[in-house]
Amino acid sequence: MTQNHIATVNPLPSSILHNSTEVRRQYTRNAAKQAMQFISRKVRVFNRKAAEVAQEISPVQSSH
């Protein structure tokens, strides 16, 4: 049984595959996209936790 291993997300025509600049550009685009998704996920979790903490703290501060 043979398996086709495609290195890029979107298969490219063989003429472009030999153009390393285009392959690098596609890898860079995908890596940047994944990095942004990772960072935005982390920021979302951080903001959610910060909002919970702010709700817990605000009644304490208003009693002073």
N, C-alpha and C. Protein backbone atom coordinates (compact mmCIF):
# COMPACT_ATOMS: atom_id res chain seq x y z
N MET A 1 0.85 -1.18 0.00
CA MET A 1 0.00 0.00 0.00
C MET A 1 0.90 1.25 0.00
N THR A 2 0.61 2.15 -0.91
CA THR A 2 1.42 3.36 -0.99
C THR A 2 0.67 4.51 -0.33
N GLN A 3 1.44 5.43 0.22
CA GLN A 3 0.85 6.61 0.84
C GLN A 3 1.43 7.84 0.18
N ASN A 4 0.57 8.81 -0.08
CA ASN A 4 1.04 10.07 -0.62
C ASN A 4 1.24 11.04 0.53
N HIS A 5 2.44 11.54 0.70
CA HIS A 5 2.71 12.51 1.74
C HIS A 5 2.80 13.89 1.10
N ILE A 6 1.84 14.71 1.40
CA ILE A 6 1.82 16.06 0.85
C ILE A 6 2.34 17.01 1.93
N ALA A 7 3.40 17.71 1.64
CA ALA A 7 4.05 18.56 2.65
C ALA A 7 3.27 19.83 2.91
N THR A 8 2.54 20.33 1.92
CA THR A 8 1.82 21.58 2.10
C THR A 8 0.34 21.32 2.26
N VAL A 9 -0.36 22.29 2.81
CA VAL A 9 -1.80 22.14 3.03
C VAL A 9 -2.54 22.08 1.70
N ASN A 10 -2.20 23.00 0.79
CA ASN A 10 -2.81 23.00 -0.54
C ASN A 10 -1.81 22.42 -1.54
N PRO A 11 -2.15 21.28 -2.16
CA PRO A 11 -1.22 20.70 -3.13
C PRO A 11 -0.92 21.68 -4.27
N LEU A 12 0.34 21.76 -4.66
CA LEU A 12 0.74 22.69 -5.70
C LEU A 12 1.11 21.93 -6.96
N PRO A 13 0.94 22.56 -8.11
CA PRO A 13 1.41 21.92 -9.35
C PRO A 13 2.92 21.71 -9.30
N SER A 14 3.40 20.67 -9.97
CA SER A 14 4.83 20.33 -9.87
C SER A 14 5.72 21.47 -10.35
N SER A 15 5.25 22.28 -11.30
CA SER A 15 6.07 23.39 -11.79
C SER A 15 6.35 24.40 -10.67
N ILE A 16 5.37 24.59 -9.78
CA ILE A 16 5.56 25.54 -8.67
C ILE A 16 6.36 24.88 -7.55
N LEU A 17 6.23 23.57 -7.38
CA LEU A 17 6.95 22.89 -6.30
C LEU A 17 8.45 23.06 -6.43
N HIS A 18 8.93 23.21 -7.64
CA HIS A 18 10.36 23.39 -7.84
C HIS A 18 10.79 24.83 -7.57
N ASN A 19 9.80 25.70 -7.39
CA ASN A 19 10.10 27.09 -7.06
C ASN A 19 10.06 27.21 -5.54
N SER A 20 11.22 27.13 -4.90
CA SER A 20 11.27 27.06 -3.44
C SER A 20 10.70 28.32 -2.77
N THR A 21 10.75 29.46 -3.47
CA THR A 21 10.22 30.70 -2.90
C THR A 21 8.72 30.56 -2.66
N GLU A 22 8.02 30.00 -3.62
CA GLU A 22 6.56 29.86 -3.49
C GLU A 22 6.22 28.87 -2.37
N VAL A 23 6.97 27.78 -2.28
CA VAL A 23 6.74 26.79 -1.22
C VAL A 23 7.00 27.42 0.14
N ARG A 24 8.09 28.16 0.25
CA ARG A 24 8.43 28.83 1.51
C ARG A 24 7.34 29.84 1.88
N ARG A 25 6.85 30.55 0.87
CA ARG A 25 5.79 31.54 1.12
C ARG A 25 4.54 30.86 1.67
N GLN A 26 4.20 29.71 1.10
CA GLN A 26 3.00 28.99 1.57
C GLN A 26 3.20 28.48 2.99
N TYR A 27 4.38 27.93 3.27
CA TYR A 27 4.67 27.48 4.63
C TYR A 27 4.60 28.64 5.60
N THR A 28 5.17 29.78 5.21
CA THR A 28 5.18 30.96 6.08
C THR A 28 3.77 31.44 6.35
N ARG A 29 2.96 31.48 5.31
CA ARG A 29 1.56 31.91 5.46
C ARG A 29 0.83 31.01 6.45
N ASN A 30 0.99 29.69 6.27
CA ASN A 30 0.31 28.75 7.16
C ASN A 30 0.84 28.84 8.59
N ALA A 31 2.14 29.02 8.73
CA ALA A 31 2.73 29.13 10.06
C ALA A 31 2.24 30.40 10.75
N ALA A 32 2.15 31.49 10.02
CA ALA A 32 1.67 32.75 10.59
C ALA A 32 0.21 32.62 11.01
N LYS A 33 -0.56 31.94 10.18
CA LYS A 33 -1.98 31.74 10.49
C LYS A 33 -2.14 30.92 11.78
N GLN A 34 -1.35 29.84 11.88
CA GLN A 34 -1.42 29.00 13.08
C GLN A 34 -0.97 29.77 14.30
N ALA A 35 0.07 30.59 14.16
CA ALA A 35 0.56 31.38 15.29
C ALA A 35 -0.50 32.37 15.75
N MET A 36 -1.17 33.01 14.82
CA MET A 36 -2.22 33.97 15.19
C MET A 36 -3.38 33.27 15.88
N GLN A 37 -3.75 32.09 15.41
CA GLN A 37 -4.83 31.34 16.06
C GLN A 37 -4.43 30.97 17.48
N PHE A 38 -3.19 30.54 17.66
CA PHE A 38 -2.69 30.16 18.99
C PHE A 38 -2.71 31.36 19.93
N ILE A 39 -2.18 32.49 19.44
CA ILE A 39 -2.12 33.69 20.28
C ILE A 39 -3.51 34.20 20.62
N SER A 40 -4.41 34.22 19.65
CA SER A 40 -5.75 34.72 19.91
C SER A 40 -6.49 33.82 20.90
N ARG A 41 -6.21 32.50 20.83
CA ARG A 41 -6.82 31.58 21.79
C ARG A 41 -6.31 31.88 23.20
N LYS A 42 -4.99 32.10 23.32
CA LYS A 42 -4.41 32.41 24.63
C LYS A 42 -4.98 33.73 25.18
N VAL A 43 -5.09 34.73 24.32
CA VAL A 43 -5.62 36.03 24.74
C VAL A 43 -7.07 35.89 25.19
N ARG A 44 -7.83 35.08 24.46
CA ARG A 44 -9.24 34.88 24.82
C ARG A 44 -9.36 34.25 26.20
N VAL A 45 -8.55 33.23 26.47
CA VAL A 45 -8.56 32.57 27.78
C VAL A 45 -8.14 33.56 28.86
N PHE A 46 -7.08 34.32 28.59
CA PHE A 46 -6.60 35.31 29.55
C PHE A 46 -7.69 36.34 29.86
N ASN A 47 -8.36 36.85 28.82
CA ASN A 47 -9.42 37.84 29.02
C ASN A 47 -10.58 37.27 29.82
N ARG A 48 -10.90 36.01 29.55
CA ARG A 48 -12.00 35.37 30.28
C ARG A 48 -11.66 35.29 31.77
N LYS A 49 -10.42 34.87 32.07
CA LYS A 49 -10.00 34.76 33.47
C LYS A 49 -9.93 36.14 34.12
N ALA A 50 -9.43 37.13 33.38
CA ALA A 50 -9.34 38.49 33.91
C ALA A 50 -10.73 39.04 34.23
N ALA A 51 -11.70 38.74 33.40
CA ALA A 51 -13.07 39.21 33.63
C ALA A 51 -13.64 38.56 34.89
N GLU A 52 -13.36 37.27 35.08
CA GLU A 52 -13.84 36.58 36.29
C GLU A 52 -13.22 37.20 37.53
N VAL A 53 -11.93 37.45 37.49
CA VAL A 53 -11.23 38.05 38.64
C VAL A 53 -11.77 39.44 38.90
N ALA A 54 -12.01 40.22 37.86
CA ALA A 54 -12.53 41.58 38.01
C ALA A 54 -13.91 41.56 38.67
N GLN A 55 -14.73 40.59 38.32
CA GLN A 55 -16.07 40.49 38.92
C GLN A 55 -15.97 40.13 40.40
N GLU A 56 -14.98 39.30 40.74
CA GLU A 56 -14.81 38.92 42.13
C GLU A 56 -14.27 40.07 42.97
N ILE A 57 -13.40 40.89 42.37
CA ILE A 57 -12.75 41.96 43.11
C ILE A 57 -13.67 43.19 43.25
N SER A 58 -14.47 43.51 42.25
CA SER A 58 -15.22 44.76 42.25
C SER A 58 -16.15 44.94 43.46
N PRO A 59 -16.87 43.92 43.95
CA PRO A 59 -17.69 44.16 45.16
C PRO A 59 -16.83 44.48 46.39
N VAL A 60 -15.66 43.90 46.49
CA VAL A 60 -14.77 44.16 47.62
C VAL A 60 -14.32 45.62 47.61
N GLN A 61 -13.96 46.13 46.44
CA GLN A 61 -13.49 47.50 46.33
C GLN A 61 -14.60 48.50 46.59
N SER A 62 -15.83 48.20 46.18
CA SER A 62 -16.92 49.15 46.34
C SER A 62 -17.34 49.29 47.81
N SER A 63 -16.98 48.35 48.67
CA SER A 63 -17.38 48.42 50.07
C SER A 63 -16.49 49.36 50.87
N HIS A 64 -15.36 49.80 50.33
CA HIS A 64 -14.45 50.69 51.06
C HIS A 64 -15.01 52.07 51.15
